Protein backbone atom coordinates (compact mmCIF):
# COMPACT_ATOMS: atom_id res chain seq x y z
CA UNK A 1 0.00 0.00 0.00
CA UNK A 2 1.33 3.44 -0.83
CA UNK A 3 1.15 6.13 1.82
CA UNK A 4 0.78 9.83 1.03
CA UNK A 5 4.54 10.04 0.54
CA UNK A 6 4.24 7.33 -2.14
CA UNK A 7 6.10 4.74 -0.08
CA UNK A 8 5.18 1.10 -0.34
CA UNK A 9 4.22 -0.64 2.90
CA UNK A 10 5.01 -4.31 3.31
CA UNK A 11 4.40 -5.93 6.64
CA UNK A 12 1.81 -7.08 9.12
CA UNK A 13 -1.17 -4.93 9.86
CA UNK A 14 -4.22 -5.73 11.99
CA UNK A 15 -7.31 -6.19 9.82
CA UNK A 16 -9.16 -3.77 12.09
CA UNK A 17 -6.79 -0.98 10.99
CA UNK A 18 -8.14 -1.17 7.44
CA UNK A 19 -11.14 1.05 6.77
CA UNK A 20 -13.08 0.35 3.60
CA UNK A 21 -15.25 3.31 2.61
CA UNK A 22 -16.15 5.29 -0.50
CA UNK A 23 -14.46 2.81 -2.87
CA UNK A 24 -11.08 3.14 -1.22
CA UNK A 25 -9.10 1.61 1.60
CA UNK A 26 -7.73 3.88 4.31
CA UNK A 27 -5.15 3.02 6.94
CA UNK A 28 -4.81 6.06 9.16
CA UNK A 29 -1.83 4.78 11.18
CA UNK A 30 0.19 4.60 7.95
CA UNK A 31 -1.30 7.74 6.46
CA UNK A 32 -2.16 5.52 3.52
CA UNK A 33 -5.04 5.13 1.11
CA UNK A 34 -5.64 3.13 -2.04
CA UNK A 35 -8.39 2.06 -4.41
CA UNK A 36 -6.93 -1.46 -4.46
CA UNK A 37 -5.69 -3.71 -1.69
CA UNK A 38 -3.98 -7.04 -2.43
CA UNK A 39 -3.41 -9.50 0.37
CA UNK A 40 -0.30 -11.70 -0.05
CA UNK A 41 -0.13 -13.19 3.41
CA UNK A 42 1.17 -16.70 3.11
CA UNK A 43 -0.26 -19.13 5.65
CA UNK A 44 -1.68 -16.25 7.71
CA UNK A 45 -4.34 -15.73 5.04
CA UNK A 46 -6.32 -18.49 6.74
CA UNK A 47 -7.28 -15.81 9.31
CA UNK A 48 -8.28 -13.13 6.78
CA UNK A 49 -11.90 -12.11 7.55
CA UNK A 50 -12.56 -10.97 3.96
CA UNK A 51 -11.55 -14.31 2.46
CA UNK A 52 -12.62 -16.68 5.24
CA UNK A 53 -14.52 -18.86 2.76
CA UNK A 54 -11.29 -20.09 1.13
CA UNK A 55 -10.26 -23.43 2.60
CA UNK A 56 -6.57 -23.33 3.46
CA UNK A 57 -4.72 -26.51 4.42
CA UNK A 58 -1.37 -25.15 5.65
CA UNK A 59 1.61 -27.49 5.58
CA UNK A 60 4.90 -27.10 7.39
CA UNK A 61 8.12 -27.75 5.52
CA UNK A 62 11.80 -27.80 6.28
CA UNK A 63 14.77 -27.15 4.01
CA UNK A 64 18.55 -27.00 4.27
CA UNK A 65 21.30 -25.07 2.60
CA UNK A 66 24.08 -27.54 1.80
CA UNK A 67 27.52 -27.47 0.22
CA UNK A 68 28.86 -30.23 -1.99
CA UNK A 69 31.43 -30.31 -4.77
CA UNK A 70 30.07 -33.51 -6.23
CA UNK A 71 27.24 -32.02 -8.33
CA UNK A 72 27.54 -29.31 -10.97
CA UNK A 73 25.61 -26.24 -9.83
CA UNK A 74 23.99 -25.86 -13.26
CA UNK A 75 21.05 -28.22 -12.76
CA UNK A 76 18.13 -28.75 -10.41
CA UNK A 77 18.22 -32.30 -9.07
CA UNK A 78 15.00 -34.08 -8.14
CA UNK A 79 14.68 -37.53 -6.62
CA UNK A 80 12.45 -37.58 -3.55
CA UNK A 81 13.95 -34.20 -2.70
CA UNK A 82 14.94 -31.17 -4.76
CA UNK A 83 18.48 -29.78 -4.80
CA UNK A 84 18.36 -26.28 -6.27
CA UNK A 85 21.69 -24.54 -6.95
CA UNK A 86 22.16 -21.13 -5.33
CA UNK A 87 25.83 -20.57 -6.09
CA UNK A 88 29.16 -22.33 -6.39
CA UNK A 89 28.83 -25.71 -4.67
CA UNK A 90 25.78 -24.47 -2.70
CA UNK A 91 22.25 -25.87 -2.92
CA UNK A 92 18.90 -25.52 -1.20
CA UNK A 93 17.59 -28.99 -0.36
CA UNK A 94 13.97 -29.63 0.44
CA UNK A 95 11.47 -30.05 1.41
CA UNK A 96 9.62 -31.98 4.05
CA UNK A 97 5.83 -32.01 4.49
CA UNK A 98 4.01 -32.00 7.83
CA UNK A 99 0.27 -31.28 8.02
CA UNK A 100 0.05 -31.96 11.78
CA UNK A 101 2.77 -29.83 13.42
CA UNK A 102 2.39 -26.27 12.11
CA UNK A 103 5.09 -24.81 14.36
CA UNK A 104 7.59 -22.90 12.24
CA UNK A 105 10.76 -24.09 14.03
CA UNK A 106 13.13 -26.64 12.43
CA UNK A 107 13.08 -30.09 14.03
CA UNK A 108 15.60 -32.89 14.55
CA UNK A 109 13.22 -35.26 12.71
CA UNK A 110 13.09 -32.91 9.73
CA UNK A 111 16.89 -32.62 9.70
CA UNK A 112 17.24 -36.41 9.73
CA UNK A 113 14.71 -36.83 6.92
CA UNK A 114 16.46 -34.20 4.78
CA UNK A 115 19.96 -35.61 5.43
CA UNK A 116 18.83 -39.12 4.45
CA UNK A 117 17.29 -37.89 1.19
CA UNK A 118 20.31 -35.73 0.34
CA UNK A 119 22.61 -38.71 0.97
CA UNK A 120 20.71 -40.67 -1.71
CA UNK A 121 21.66 -38.02 -4.30
CA UNK A 122 25.15 -37.13 -3.10
CA UNK A 123 27.73 -39.88 -2.54
CA UNK A 124 30.43 -37.73 -0.96
CA UNK A 125 30.01 -35.97 2.39
CA UNK A 126 28.12 -32.69 2.32
CA UNK A 127 27.96 -29.88 4.85
CA UNK A 128 24.83 -28.17 6.13
CA UNK A 129 25.12 -24.42 6.58
CA UNK A 130 21.46 -23.59 7.34
CA UNK A 131 18.35 -25.48 8.42
CA UNK A 132 15.05 -23.62 7.92
CA UNK A 133 11.39 -24.23 8.44
CA UNK A 134 8.17 -22.49 7.52
CA UNK A 135 4.47 -22.96 6.94
CA UNK A 136 3.22 -22.97 3.35
CA UNK A 137 -0.17 -21.50 2.41
CA UNK A 138 -1.65 -24.51 0.65
CA UNK A 139 -5.22 -24.12 -0.59
CA UNK A 140 -7.60 -27.06 -0.71
CA UNK A 141 -7.22 -28.61 -4.16
CA UNK A 142 -3.56 -27.47 -4.27
CA UNK A 143 -4.30 -24.55 -6.61
CA UNK A 144 -2.92 -21.02 -6.22
CA UNK A 145 -5.46 -18.26 -5.62
CA UNK A 146 -5.55 -14.98 -7.51
CA UNK A 147 -9.00 -13.44 -7.23
CA UNK A 148 -10.95 -10.34 -6.46
CA UNK A 149 -13.48 -10.24 -3.67
CA UNK A 150 -17.03 -10.86 -4.83
CA UNK A 151 -18.56 -7.82 -3.12
CA UNK A 152 -15.76 -5.48 -1.99
CA UNK A 153 -14.51 -3.50 -4.95
CA UNK A 154 -10.71 -3.33 -5.25
CA UNK A 155 -10.01 -6.09 -2.72
CA UNK A 156 -7.80 -8.96 -3.94
CA UNK A 157 -6.08 -12.09 -2.67
CA UNK A 158 -2.94 -13.57 -4.21
CA UNK A 159 -1.90 -16.62 -2.26
CA UNK A 160 -1.70 -20.39 -1.97
CA UNK A 161 1.50 -20.82 -3.96
CA UNK A 162 2.80 -23.32 -1.39
CA UNK A 163 6.28 -24.49 -2.37
CA UNK A 164 5.79 -23.24 -5.93
CA UNK A 165 6.09 -19.56 -5.08
CA UNK A 166 9.22 -19.20 -7.18
CA UNK A 167 7.82 -20.86 -10.32
Foldseek 3Di string as FASTA:
>chain_A
DQAPVGDDDDDDDDPVQWDAPPQKIDRVVRNHIGNADEDADWQVCCVPPLPVVFAWQKKKKKKFKKFDQPDDQPDWDDDPWIWHRDDHRITIIYIDTGSDDQDFADDPVRVVVRVVVVCVVDVDDMDTDDMGMHMGGATVVQDWDWDARPPRRNYIYGGRCGPVPPD
